[in-house]
Every structure is written in structure tokens, then in C-alpha cells.
């Protein structure tokens, strides 16, 4: 369902000094044609920098057009030009009236009568061509050369070949001749505009090509339980991305980094984090258990773990699973001393607490 006049992420647009985009396409779960943010899922879109035009995925726009989300054009009256004419009378010439009704001229044997009472609805008969070499023929030829057309009257279309209708527009824009479907919102990109926009921005279009050109590539995809954009519980964008990589068979593929690397970087127990099997399958109905928890560490720390693990595996050529620990201890001496001091302080604090507890028990 499309609801105009409402805004999504208005605070985020204001923060980025952008004009918020109006209108929203969403799954209308209860059929009341009103977006209820706490219950219904809004379909994500993006805008070009500095613009407010909404670019939805081409598949979404095609479905919206097929399902007539924006309404259906009223049935047009049957064109009079399509009316089947009646057969011409024997011995007469057939003419078509303005209103679509057929009209027949007088028989050829009575030209005088036809000239005396011409039918107002009959088409004008073109005059006969002047003899070759006559002044009229020369004038007509000169007019045709001047206008670039074979017709000399101003109400006839030129026969000069028109420029190609498929004129190529700017990057990210549809050809100018694309027709806006009935009811299609002005602030929403057309299908061809969306296809051109995402052609340069959708990385999933190039996964197959990347896998072929880099057969030794090691890939890790990060996904957490609360995404920054999508809010669906089955996280279809993560499952789609992962399974698309899996189908193209890179050397090594994993959803989320090894938990020992995360625990090593943030000084936490690695059992707090997920431990997924490399090159394993992902089912969107059960993907929640394979995503990282929220609130423990920031996404940047997960990214550090991803980079560290991939660098170590590529350097040592070790793709084993599970790992007993990190493959390379990349901390410098200063950090090692700091960690050692922190561990000693924690042990001292725990000893003091235990001593106080024993005194209290006595």
C-alpha cells in the first residue's frame, strides 16, 4: 500500500541536512490503508545525495505496477477509429465520417450531383498531381525541399525521419520517453530509472563475476539481529546475499567472524558470540540464531574481528574450523603490557572481594 504525505526517518534526513522524502510504500497487514509503524513493515528505499526522489528496488516497482498499487486507469471509451466500417455500396466510393459512422459518396456516374451536395463528413480528396514540368509542379518541389517533407500543407506531419526515441539520458535516469503509469507518485522513481540507479550501486549484481575473477577469495558477511535499515525478522537481505555468494562457490565463506577473534579484541568471553560453520547453508526462517547479539559491542569491533581473521587465514593459509584461538597474536608490546596489568588488577580485586566475604561470614 502507498500512503502519501507521511515521512520515514525524518530525523535522520534533518541530521544529514537533507529534505525528507514524502510518502511511503508498506505492507498493509490489516488492510486499513494506514501505516502503523509499530506493526507494519515499510519497504526500504534510497535517495540520491541531495535529492528526494525515492528509488525502490526494481522488483518492488514491477510488483507495484502489476498489482496496481497506485490505482487503475478508468476504462477508455472505444475509439471511433476502431469502429468496423460498413461495406461500401456497389459502384460507390467509401468515406469515413468524423463521428465514426461510415458514409458513402454518390456513384461515379453522378459526379454533378455529388458536387452539388457534398457530404460534410466526407474526407477531402487530394487534388490531382500537376503535369511534370509545369509551374505548379516546380513550386511544389521547391516547397518540399524547403520544409524537408513531401507534403506542402502545414497541417500534415513531416516525413523526415525522427530522432531515435530511445534517447540516452544521464546516469541513473530513465530515458526521457518513459511513460509514467496511471497514479504513479511523482516523487517515486520509475522502473527504468530505478534499474539505471541500482545498476551501479547493487553489489549483488557482480558476485558471480567477482567469484570467477578471484577464485581464492575469502569472504565474511557480517549481520546482527537489529539491522540499521531492514526490520524483517527473517532478514531476507542477509540470507539473499550469503546464499548468492554460496551459489557462486568462493574458496571460503562465512557468516560473521570467528568468536575467538571478537573476544580477543574486546576482552570478553568468546561464548557471548555466534560461531557459524564456514561454507554452511543459511535458512532465513532460523537465521536469528546465526546473527550477532546487540548491545555488547559496537559494529566497528565486529569489523576489526572480520579483518583480523581474514588477514590471518590468508597469511597462514589456515581455513580450519573451529579455531583453538587467534592464529596470529598481532598486539604490540605496549598493548600486551596493558592487558597484563589489567588482568593483574582484576585478579587483585577478585581476591580482595573474596577476603571481605570471608570476614563477613565469620
Protein backbone atom coordinates (compact mmCIF):
# COMPACT_ATOMS: atom_id res chain seq x y z
CA UNK A 1 0.00 0.00 0.00
CA UNK A 2 1.16 3.52 -0.79
CA UNK A 3 0.37 6.34 1.65
CA UNK A 4 1.33 9.87 0.57
CA UNK A 5 2.17 12.71 2.91
CA UNK A 6 3.99 10.71 5.59
CA UNK A 7 7.71 10.60 6.28
CA UNK A 8 10.16 7.87 7.23
CA UNK A 9 13.42 8.69 9.02
CA UNK A 10 12.65 12.41 9.04
CA UNK A 11 15.04 12.99 11.97
CA UNK A 12 17.84 11.21 10.09
CA UNK A 13 17.26 13.34 6.98
CA UNK A 14 17.30 16.52 9.10
CA UNK A 15 20.53 15.42 10.77
CA UNK A 16 22.15 14.94 7.36
CA UNK A 17 20.83 18.34 6.17
CA UNK A 18 18.57 16.68 3.61
CA UNK A 19 14.99 17.43 2.72
CA UNK A 20 12.93 14.42 3.86
CA UNK A 21 11.13 12.41 1.18
CA UNK A 22 7.34 12.30 1.40
CA UNK A 23 5.24 9.15 1.01
CA UNK A 24 5.79 5.52 1.93
CA UNK A 25 5.25 2.07 0.41
CA UNK A 26 4.49 -0.59 3.03
CA UNK A 27 2.92 -3.98 3.71
CA UNK A 28 -0.63 -3.22 4.87
CA UNK A 29 -1.09 -6.16 7.26
CA UNK A 30 -4.58 -5.23 8.48
CA UNK A 31 -5.87 -3.74 5.22
CA UNK A 32 -6.81 -0.31 6.62
CA UNK A 33 -4.55 1.52 4.15
CA UNK A 34 -2.82 3.36 7.01
CA UNK A 35 0.79 2.81 8.00
CA UNK A 36 1.11 1.73 11.62
CA UNK A 37 4.81 1.94 12.35
CA UNK A 38 4.81 -0.42 15.35
CA UNK A 39 3.02 -3.22 13.46
CA UNK A 40 3.66 -2.90 9.73
CA UNK A 41 6.81 -3.17 7.65
CA UNK A 42 7.85 -0.22 5.49
CA UNK A 43 9.66 -1.14 2.29
CA UNK A 44 13.09 0.45 2.19
CA UNK A 45 14.13 2.94 -0.47
CA UNK A 46 17.08 5.21 -1.03
CA UNK A 47 17.54 8.73 -2.36
CA UNK A 48 20.35 10.21 -4.38
CA UNK A 49 22.53 12.69 -2.42
CA UNK A 50 20.69 15.98 -2.13
CA UNK A 51 17.51 14.61 -3.73
CA UNK A 52 14.09 13.48 -2.50
CA UNK A 53 13.14 11.06 -5.29
CA UNK A 54 12.55 7.60 -3.83
CA UNK A 55 14.40 4.74 -5.52
CA UNK A 56 12.83 1.40 -4.65
CA UNK A 57 14.23 -1.91 -5.86
CA UNK A 58 13.13 -2.56 -9.47
CA UNK A 59 11.46 -5.82 -8.41
CA UNK A 60 9.34 -3.90 -5.89
CA UNK A 61 8.26 -1.36 -8.51
CA UNK A 62 7.39 -4.08 -11.03
CA UNK A 63 5.23 -5.81 -8.42
CA UNK A 64 3.55 -2.49 -7.53
CA UNK A 65 2.72 -1.89 -11.19
CA UNK A 66 1.45 -5.44 -11.70
CA UNK A 67 -0.74 -5.30 -8.58
CA UNK A 68 -1.98 -1.78 -9.46
CA UNK A 69 -0.96 -0.41 -6.05
CA UNK A 70 -1.46 3.17 -7.21
CA UNK A 71 -4.89 2.59 -8.73
CA UNK A 72 -6.24 1.60 -12.10
CA UNK A 73 -6.93 3.89 -15.01
CA UNK A 74 -10.65 4.23 -15.87
CA UNK A 75 -11.65 2.28 -18.96
CA UNK A 76 -11.37 4.46 -22.02
CA UNK A 77 -14.23 4.74 -24.44
CA UNK A 78 -13.78 2.73 -27.56
CA UNK A 79 -12.05 4.83 -30.15
CA UNK A 80 -14.24 5.71 -33.07
CA UNK A 81 -11.37 4.97 -35.42
CA UNK A 82 -11.57 1.33 -34.37
CA UNK A 83 -15.25 1.02 -35.33
CA UNK A 84 -15.66 -1.52 -38.06
CA UNK A 85 -16.98 0.26 -41.16
CA UNK A 86 -19.97 -0.95 -43.09
CA UNK A 87 -19.29 -2.34 -46.56
CA UNK A 88 -19.38 0.23 -49.32
CA UNK A 89 -22.34 0.15 -51.65
CA UNK A 90 -21.81 -1.30 -55.03
CA UNK A 91 -20.48 1.24 -57.50
CA UNK A 92 -19.71 3.85 -54.84
CA UNK A 93 -16.66 5.22 -53.04
CA UNK A 94 -16.30 4.65 -49.30
CA UNK A 95 -15.71 7.57 -46.95
CA UNK A 96 -15.46 7.67 -43.15
CA UNK A 97 -17.44 10.24 -41.22
CA UNK A 98 -15.96 12.29 -38.38
CA UNK A 99 -18.13 10.60 -35.79
CA UNK A 100 -17.01 7.16 -36.82
CA UNK A 101 -20.14 6.33 -38.83
CA UNK A 102 -19.49 5.26 -42.38
CA UNK A 103 -20.69 7.44 -45.22
CA UNK A 104 -20.83 6.65 -48.91
CA UNK A 105 -20.34 9.11 -51.70
CA UNK A 106 -22.52 9.28 -54.72
CA UNK A 107 -21.97 6.76 -57.51
CA UNK A 108 -19.29 7.58 -60.02
CA UNK A 109 -21.95 8.04 -62.70
CA UNK A 110 -23.37 11.12 -60.98
CA UNK A 111 -20.41 13.46 -60.31
CA UNK A 112 -22.50 16.58 -60.83
CA UNK A 113 -24.99 15.58 -58.12
CA UNK A 114 -22.20 14.75 -55.71
CA UNK A 115 -20.54 18.07 -56.33
CA UNK A 116 -23.80 19.94 -55.81
CA UNK A 117 -24.42 18.43 -52.33
CA UNK A 118 -21.14 17.30 -50.87
CA UNK A 119 -21.24 15.27 -47.64
CA UNK A 120 -19.93 17.41 -44.71
CA UNK A 121 -18.39 14.30 -43.18
CA UNK A 122 -16.55 13.10 -46.26
CA UNK A 123 -12.78 13.43 -46.44
CA UNK A 124 -11.38 15.97 -48.85
CA UNK A 125 -10.00 14.32 -51.94
CA UNK A 126 -6.43 15.31 -52.70
CA UNK A 127 -6.11 17.24 -55.98
CA UNK A 128 -4.52 15.50 -58.91
CA UNK A 129 -0.79 15.93 -59.32
CA UNK A 130 0.16 18.71 -61.77
CA UNK A 131 1.85 17.71 -65.02
CA UNK A 132 5.60 17.30 -64.83
CA UNK A 133 7.49 20.45 -65.70
CA UNK A 134 4.54 22.74 -65.03
CA UNK A 135 4.91 25.86 -62.77
CA UNK A 136 2.76 24.17 -60.07
CA UNK A 137 5.00 21.11 -60.05
CA UNK A 138 8.11 23.28 -59.74
CA UNK A 139 6.59 25.27 -56.87
CA UNK A 140 5.57 22.09 -55.04
CA UNK A 141 9.06 20.64 -55.46
CA UNK A 142 10.65 23.81 -54.08
CA UNK A 143 8.30 23.77 -51.06
CA UNK A 144 9.12 20.14 -50.35
CA UNK A 145 12.83 20.88 -50.43
CA UNK A 146 12.37 23.84 -48.12
CA UNK A 147 10.31 22.01 -45.48
CA UNK A 148 12.10 18.66 -45.80
CA UNK A 149 8.80 16.89 -46.41
CA UNK A 150 6.74 15.70 -49.32
CA UNK A 151 3.59 17.46 -48.09
CA UNK A 152 3.03 21.13 -48.91
CA UNK A 153 0.19 21.83 -46.44
CA UNK A 154 1.05 22.98 -42.91
CA UNK A 155 -1.29 20.51 -41.16
CA UNK A 156 0.49 17.39 -42.47
CA UNK A 157 3.21 15.63 -40.47
CA UNK A 158 6.73 15.83 -41.78
CA UNK A 159 8.08 12.64 -43.25
CA UNK A 160 11.61 13.49 -42.11
CA UNK A 161 12.95 10.57 -40.07
CA UNK A 162 12.62 11.40 -36.37
CA UNK A 163 15.48 11.01 -33.95
CA UNK A 164 15.58 7.74 -32.07
CA UNK A 165 13.02 7.66 -29.26
CA UNK A 166 15.45 5.71 -27.10
CA UNK A 167 17.50 8.81 -26.40
CA UNK A 168 20.02 8.01 -23.75
CA UNK A 169 19.63 10.02 -20.55
CA UNK A 170 22.10 10.82 -17.82
CA UNK A 171 23.43 8.15 -15.49
CA UNK A 172 20.82 6.98 -13.02
CA UNK A 173 17.96 8.45 -15.07
CA UNK A 174 15.44 6.77 -17.29
CA UNK A 175 15.15 7.65 -20.98
CA UNK A 176 13.01 10.78 -21.31
CA UNK A 177 10.27 8.97 -23.21
CA UNK A 178 9.40 6.55 -20.41
CA UNK A 179 5.70 6.97 -19.68
CA UNK A 180 4.53 7.39 -16.08
CA UNK A 181 1.85 4.79 -15.27
CA UNK A 182 -1.54 5.86 -14.01
CA UNK A 183 -1.42 7.14 -10.43
CA UNK A 184 2.35 6.69 -10.12
CA UNK A 185 3.62 9.17 -7.46
CA UNK A 186 5.75 11.98 -8.78
CA UNK A 187 8.33 11.52 -6.00
CA UNK A 188 8.84 7.84 -6.83
CA UNK A 189 11.34 6.77 -9.47
CA UNK A 190 10.04 4.89 -12.50
CA UNK A 191 11.09 1.31 -13.16
CA UNK A 192 13.71 2.22 -15.77
CA UNK A 193 15.06 4.99 -13.53
CA UNK A 194 15.39 2.53 -10.65
CA UNK A 195 17.13 -0.08 -12.81
CA UNK A 196 19.64 2.52 -14.01
CA UNK A 197 20.15 3.80 -10.45
CA UNK A 198 20.85 0.40 -8.86
CA UNK A 199 22.91 -0.90 -11.77
CA UNK A 200 25.89 0.98 -10.36
CA UNK A 201 25.02 0.54 -6.67
CA UNK A 202 23.84 -3.05 -6.19
CA UNK A 203 26.91 -5.16 -5.42
CA UNK A 204 24.95 -8.43 -5.65
CA UNK A 205 24.85 -7.99 -9.43
CA UNK A 206 28.60 -8.61 -9.60
CA UNK A 207 29.07 -11.51 -7.16
CA UNK A 208 29.32 -14.07 -9.95
CA UNK A 209 31.88 -12.01 -11.84
CA UNK A 210 33.96 -11.43 -8.68
CA UNK A 211 33.96 -15.16 -7.84
CA UNK A 212 35.19 -16.03 -11.32
CA UNK A 213 37.95 -13.45 -11.38
CA UNK A 214 39.14 -14.12 -7.80
CA UNK A 215 38.82 -17.87 -7.19
CA UNK A 216 40.94 -17.74 -3.97
CA UNK A 217 38.80 -15.03 -2.39
CA UNK A 218 37.89 -15.39 1.33
CA UNK A 219 34.54 -13.80 2.18
CA UNK A 220 32.93 -12.91 5.52
CA UNK A 221 29.46 -11.35 5.73
CA UNK A 222 28.54 -9.51 8.92
CA UNK A 223 24.96 -9.50 10.18
CA UNK A 224 23.45 -8.55 13.54
CA UNK A 225 20.00 -9.13 14.97
CA UNK A 226 18.95 -5.48 14.70
CA UNK A 227 19.73 -4.10 11.28
CA UNK A 228 20.15 -0.40 10.55
CA UNK A 229 17.66 -0.43 7.69
CA UNK A 230 15.67 -3.65 7.32
CA UNK A 231 13.34 -4.63 10.15
CA UNK A 232 12.03 -8.01 8.98
CA UNK A 233 12.72 -10.83 11.49
CA UNK A 234 13.90 -13.24 8.78
CA UNK A 235 16.49 -10.73 7.46
CA UNK A 236 15.99 -11.60 3.76
CA UNK A 237 18.73 -9.25 2.57
CA UNK A 238 21.36 -11.09 4.62
CA UNK A 239 20.15 -14.53 3.56
CA UNK A 240 19.98 -13.46 -0.10
CA UNK A 241 23.49 -12.02 -0.06
CA UNK A 242 25.01 -15.03 1.70
CA UNK A 243 23.28 -17.66 -0.42
CA UNK A 244 24.20 -15.79 -3.60
CA UNK A 245 27.86 -15.98 -2.61
CA UNK A 246 27.45 -19.63 -1.64
CA UNK A 247 25.94 -20.46 -5.03
CA UNK A 248 28.99 -18.96 -6.78
CA UNK A 249 31.41 -21.06 -4.67
CA UNK A 250 34.17 -18.81 -3.35
CA UNK A 251 37.10 -20.57 -1.71
CA UNK A 252 35.86 -19.74 1.81
CA UNK A 253 32.62 -18.12 3.01
CA UNK A 254 31.38 -17.37 6.49
CA UNK A 255 28.51 -15.51 8.15
CA UNK A 256 30.08 -13.43 10.96
CA UNK A 257 33.67 -13.72 12.19
CA UNK A 258 35.13 -16.40 14.44
CA UNK A 259 34.04 -15.64 18.04
CA UNK A 260 37.59 -16.09 19.37
CA UNK A 261 38.71 -13.08 17.37
CA UNK A 262 35.84 -10.97 18.71
CA UNK A 263 36.55 -12.00 22.31
CA UNK A 264 40.28 -11.42 21.84
CA UNK A 265 39.79 -7.87 20.54
CA UNK A 266 37.21 -6.72 23.10
CA UNK A 267 38.46 -8.71 26.14
CA UNK A 268 35.23 -10.69 26.51
CA UNK A 269 34.30 -14.35 26.70
CA UNK A 270 34.07 -15.66 23.14
CA UNK A 271 30.99 -17.71 24.09
CA UNK A 272 28.98 -14.47 24.04
CA UNK A 273 29.14 -14.50 20.23
CA UNK A 274 27.89 -16.79 17.47
CA UNK A 275 30.08 -19.47 15.92
CA UNK A 276 28.83 -20.33 12.41
CA UNK A 277 30.16 -23.10 10.22
CA UNK A 278 32.12 -21.81 7.19
CA UNK A 279 30.54 -22.61 3.79
CA UNK A 280 27.38 -23.74 5.59
CA UNK A 281 23.84 -23.10 4.48
CA UNK A 282 21.67 -20.29 5.82
CA UNK A 283 17.93 -20.65 6.32
CA UNK A 284 16.13 -17.32 6.65
CA UNK A 285 13.49 -18.86 8.95
CA UNK A 286 16.21 -19.69 11.52
CA UNK A 287 18.77 -17.00 10.74
CA UNK A 288 18.25 -15.15 14.02
CA UNK A 289 20.44 -17.68 15.86
CA UNK A 290 23.29 -17.07 13.38
CA UNK A 291 23.37 -13.28 13.82
CA UNK A 292 25.43 -11.35 16.34
CA UNK A 293 23.75 -10.04 19.51
CA UNK A 294 23.07 -6.35 20.03
CA UNK A 295 24.28 -4.10 22.81
CA UNK A 296 27.51 -5.88 23.78
CA UNK A 297 29.98 -4.12 21.47
CA UNK A 298 29.78 -1.72 18.55
CA UNK A 299 29.73 -2.83 14.92
CA UNK A 300 33.21 -1.38 14.43
CA UNK A 301 34.66 -4.00 16.78
CA UNK A 302 33.00 -6.75 14.73
CA UNK A 303 34.61 -5.27 11.63
CA UNK A 304 38.03 -5.37 13.32
CA UNK A 305 37.48 -9.06 14.05
CA UNK A 306 36.46 -9.72 10.42
CA UNK A 307 39.58 -8.03 9.04
CA UNK A 308 41.91 -9.69 11.55
CA UNK A 309 40.56 -13.20 10.91
CA UNK A 310 40.63 -12.89 7.11
CA UNK A 311 44.15 -11.44 7.16
CA UNK A 312 45.43 -14.23 9.42
CA UNK A 313 43.78 -17.01 7.41
CA UNK A 314 45.10 -15.63 4.13
CA UNK A 315 48.60 -15.24 5.55
CA UNK A 316 48.80 -18.64 7.24
CA UNK A 317 46.58 -20.43 4.67
CA UNK A 318 44.69 -21.93 7.57
CA UNK A 319 40.99 -22.47 6.85
CA UNK A 320 40.32 -24.91 9.68
CA UNK A 321 37.24 -24.72 11.90
CA UNK A 322 36.92 -24.38 14.83
CA UNK A 323 40.00 -22.49 15.94
CA UNK A 324 41.56 -23.01 19.38
CA UNK A 325 42.48 -19.31 19.42
CA UNK A 326 43.56 -16.48 17.17
CA UNK A 327 46.07 -17.53 14.53
CA UNK A 328 48.39 -14.53 14.95
CA UNK A 329 48.93 -12.51 18.13
CA UNK A 330 49.16 -9.14 16.46
CA UNK A 331 49.14 -6.96 19.60
CA UNK A 332 52.29 -4.87 20.16
CA UNK A 333 54.33 -4.93 23.36
CA UNK A 334 52.68 -1.88 24.87
CA UNK A 335 49.22 -3.39 24.46
CA UNK A 336 50.42 -6.71 25.85
CA UNK A 337 51.75 -4.99 28.96
CA UNK A 338 48.49 -3.09 29.34
CA UNK A 339 46.45 -6.28 29.09
CA UNK A 340 48.76 -7.97 31.59
CA UNK A 341 48.32 -5.12 34.08
CA UNK A 342 44.55 -5.16 33.62
CA UNK A 343 44.44 -8.90 34.27
CA UNK A 344 46.52 -8.50 37.44
CA UNK A 345 44.23 -5.73 38.71
CA UNK A 346 41.16 -7.86 38.08
CA UNK A 347 42.73 -10.78 39.96
CA UNK A 348 43.67 -8.50 42.87
CA UNK A 349 40.16 -7.06 43.02
CA UNK A 350 38.58 -10.50 42.98
CA UNK A 351 40.94 -11.65 45.80
CA UNK A 352 40.01 -8.63 47.92
CA UNK A 353 36.30 -9.30 47.41
CA UNK A 354 36.70 -12.94 48.43
CA UNK A 355 38.65 -11.93 51.57
CA UNK A 356 35.98 -9.43 52.58
CA UNK A 357 33.28 -12.04 52.02
CA UNK A 358 35.08 -14.50 54.33
CA UNK A 359 35.35 -11.84 57.05
CA UNK A 360 31.66 -11.09 56.73
CA UNK A 361 30.77 -14.78 57.00
CA UNK A 362 32.71 -15.07 60.31
